[in-house]
Each structure stands twice: as structure tokens, then as C-alpha cells.
């Protein structure tokens, strides 16, 4: 749904504002990312102030996104339904 709705691409335009909710340093060693990579939780907010997605990403020092190269969606408002990724226990 996140990919089909082009949320990440839309967050690169003025359509969505990106609010950094958490910005950790350093990234966990198990992430296998370069030194000084940031672990971030980011909210995508539409022009009306509605939070439409929450993503996690590893932002590398060169400003590229680590791991898969794309943000990992954790929450998504899609067709007025809120979808949340649950952590496995």
C-alpha cells in the first residue's frame, strides 16, 4: 500500500512535509551501516496537517537511505484506515 500510494515519492515533493520524530546516533551495530548513520523515525504530514505515514530509515552520512534504500513504513493512513506494523514478540 505504501509503494502503491507512492508515499515516499510524494514526501520528496511539497505535497507531504517530513517531520523527524526521532533521530538517533549512532545506528545500532546490527544494522550494518556506515559510521555516523542516523536511525530516524519520520512522520509524513499532508498539507492539511494530517499524519499520513510514519516510517523508519537509516540516513547515511552521504544523505542516502541505507538498508533497502527506501524508508520502512510503520504506520499508514490508507483510504481512511490506519494500518500499523506490529513488532513480533
C-alpha atoms as a PDB file:
ATOM      1  CA  UNK A   1       0.000   0.000   0.000  1.00  0.00           C
ATOM      2  CA  UNK A   2       2.864   2.362   0.847  1.00  0.00           C
ATOM      3  CA  UNK A   3       4.537   1.696  -2.508  1.00  0.00           C
ATOM      4  CA  UNK A   4       1.277   1.652  -4.482  1.00  0.00           C
ATOM      5  CA  UNK A   5       0.363   5.042  -2.999  1.00  0.00           C
ATOM      6  CA  UNK A   6       3.788   6.485  -3.868  1.00  0.00           C
ATOM      7  CA  UNK A   7       4.089   7.898  -0.344  1.00  0.00           C
ATOM      8  CA  UNK A   8       7.883   8.108  -0.404  1.00  0.00           C
ATOM      9  CA  UNK A   9       7.929   9.850  -3.774  1.00  0.00           C
ATOM     10  CA  UNK A  10       5.207  12.237  -2.602  1.00  0.00           C
ATOM     11  CA  UNK A  11       7.275  13.020   0.509  1.00  0.00           C
ATOM     12  CA  UNK A  12      10.001  14.313  -1.819  1.00  0.00           C
ATOM     13  CA  UNK A  13       7.581  16.991  -3.104  1.00  0.00           C
ATOM     14  CA  UNK A  14       5.722  19.798  -1.314  1.00  0.00           C
ATOM     15  CA  UNK A  15       2.652  17.528  -1.086  1.00  0.00           C
ATOM     16  CA  UNK A  16       3.935  15.960   2.176  1.00  0.00           C
ATOM     17  CA  UNK A  17       6.052  17.552   4.879  1.00  0.00           C
ATOM     18  CA  UNK A  18       8.532  15.314   6.697  1.00  0.00           C
ATOM     19  CA  UNK A  19       8.701  15.734  10.476  1.00  0.00           C
ATOM     20  CA  UNK A  20      11.547  13.968  12.245  1.00  0.00           C
ATOM     21  CA  UNK A  21      10.100  12.351  15.372  1.00  0.00           C
ATOM     22  CA  UNK A  22      13.268  10.540  16.499  1.00  0.00           C
ATOM     23  CA  UNK A  23      16.831  10.931  15.321  1.00  0.00           C
ATOM     24  CA  UNK A  24      19.276   8.531  16.927  1.00  0.00           C
ATOM     25  CA  UNK A  25      23.016   8.298  16.669  1.00  0.00           C
ATOM     26  CA  UNK A  26      24.740   6.008  16.176  1.00  0.00           C
ATOM     27  CA  UNK A  27      22.663   3.432  14.345  1.00  0.00           C
ATOM     28  CA  UNK A  28      22.544   0.002  16.007  1.00  0.00           C
ATOM     29  CA  UNK A  29      25.623  -2.110  15.168  1.00  0.00           C
ATOM     30  CA  UNK A  30      23.410  -4.880  13.809  1.00  0.00           C
ATOM     31  CA  UNK A  31      22.149  -2.501  11.123  1.00  0.00           C
ATOM     32  CA  UNK A  32      25.487  -2.943   9.332  1.00  0.00           C
ATOM     33  CA  UNK A  33      25.504   0.687   8.203  1.00  0.00           C
ATOM     34  CA  UNK A  34      28.465   3.092   7.865  1.00  0.00           C
ATOM     35  CA  UNK A  35      29.715   5.031  10.887  1.00  0.00           C
ATOM     36  CA  UNK A  36      27.589   8.129  11.671  1.00  0.00           C
ATOM     37  CA  UNK A  37      24.457   6.713  10.012  1.00  0.00           C
ATOM     38  CA  UNK A  38      21.325   8.123  11.688  1.00  0.00           C
ATOM     39  CA  UNK A  39      18.396   5.932  12.737  1.00  0.00           C
ATOM     40  CA  UNK A  40      15.289   8.064  12.157  1.00  0.00           C
ATOM     41  CA  UNK A  41      11.540   7.870  12.676  1.00  0.00           C
ATOM     42  CA  UNK A  42       9.792  10.319  10.340  1.00  0.00           C
ATOM     43  CA  UNK A  43       6.137  11.340  10.009  1.00  0.00           C
ATOM     44  CA  UNK A  44       4.753  12.304   6.613  1.00  0.00           C
ATOM     45  CA  UNK A  45       2.171  15.064   7.005  1.00  0.00           C
ATOM     46  CA  UNK A  46      -0.166  16.301   4.279  1.00  0.00           C
ATOM     47  CA  UNK A  47      -0.974  19.951   3.538  1.00  0.00           C
ATOM     48  CA  UNK A  48      -3.945  19.804   5.949  1.00  0.00           C
ATOM     49  CA  UNK A  49      -1.774  18.698   8.866  1.00  0.00           C
ATOM     50  CA  UNK A  50      -2.905  15.050   8.757  1.00  0.00           C
ATOM     51  CA  UNK A  51      -0.232  12.491   9.559  1.00  0.00           C
ATOM     52  CA  UNK A  52      -0.484  10.010   6.685  1.00  0.00           C
ATOM     53  CA  UNK A  53       2.520   7.762   7.387  1.00  0.00           C
ATOM     54  CA  UNK A  54       5.294   7.004   9.840  1.00  0.00           C
ATOM     55  CA  UNK A  55       8.485   5.457   8.514  1.00  0.00           C
ATOM     56  CA  UNK A  56      11.851   4.309   9.817  1.00  0.00           C
ATOM     57  CA  UNK A  57      15.001   4.922   7.844  1.00  0.00           C
ATOM     58  CA  UNK A  58      18.758   4.807   8.182  1.00  0.00           C
ATOM     59  CA  UNK A  59      20.112   8.092   6.849  1.00  0.00           C
ATOM     60  CA  UNK A  60      23.740   7.644   5.867  1.00  0.00           C
ATOM     61  CA  UNK A  61      26.314  10.447   6.096  1.00  0.00           C
ATOM     62  CA  UNK A  62      26.133  10.875   2.301  1.00  0.00           C
ATOM     63  CA  UNK A  63      22.352  11.516   2.661  1.00  0.00           C
ATOM     64  CA  UNK A  64      21.348   8.229   1.008  1.00  0.00           C
ATOM     65  CA  UNK A  65      18.979   5.835   2.733  1.00  0.00           C
ATOM     66  CA  UNK A  66      20.516   2.622   3.997  1.00  0.00           C
ATOM     67  CA  UNK A  67      19.256  -0.974   4.211  1.00  0.00           C
ATOM     68  CA  UNK A  68      16.870  -1.417   1.250  1.00  0.00           C
ATOM     69  CA  UNK A  69      17.459   2.144   0.023  1.00  0.00           C
ATOM     70  CA  UNK A  70      13.895   3.117   0.899  1.00  0.00           C
ATOM     71  CA  UNK A  71      12.085   4.061   4.116  1.00  0.00           C
ATOM     72  CA  UNK A  72      10.386   1.237   6.026  1.00  0.00           C
ATOM     73  CA  UNK A  73       6.711   2.108   6.679  1.00  0.00           C
ATOM     74  CA  UNK A  74       5.497   1.527  10.241  1.00  0.00           C
ATOM     75  CA  UNK A  75       2.101   3.252  10.113  1.00  0.00           C
ATOM     76  CA  UNK A  76      -0.004   4.196   7.126  1.00  0.00           C
ATOM     77  CA  UNK A  77      -3.298   6.014   6.709  1.00  0.00           C
ATOM     78  CA  UNK A  78      -4.761   4.471   3.565  1.00  0.00           C
ATOM     79  CA  UNK A  79      -8.348   5.050   2.402  1.00  0.00           C
ATOM     80  CA  UNK A  80      -9.204   6.420   5.875  1.00  0.00           C
ATOM     81  CA  UNK A  81      -7.951   3.215   7.568  1.00  0.00           C
ATOM     82  CA  UNK A  82      -4.893   3.237   9.843  1.00  0.00           C
ATOM     83  CA  UNK A  83      -2.519   0.303   9.315  1.00  0.00           C
ATOM     84  CA  UNK A  84       0.203  -0.368  11.899  1.00  0.00           C
ATOM     85  CA  UNK A  85       3.119  -2.800  11.707  1.00  0.00           C
ATOM     86  CA  UNK A  86       3.227  -4.849  14.884  1.00  0.00           C
ATOM     87  CA  UNK A  87       6.560  -5.921  16.376  1.00  0.00           C
ATOM     88  CA  UNK A  88       6.903  -9.702  16.592  1.00  0.00           C
ATOM     89  CA  UNK A  89       7.060 -10.972  20.140  1.00  0.00           C
END
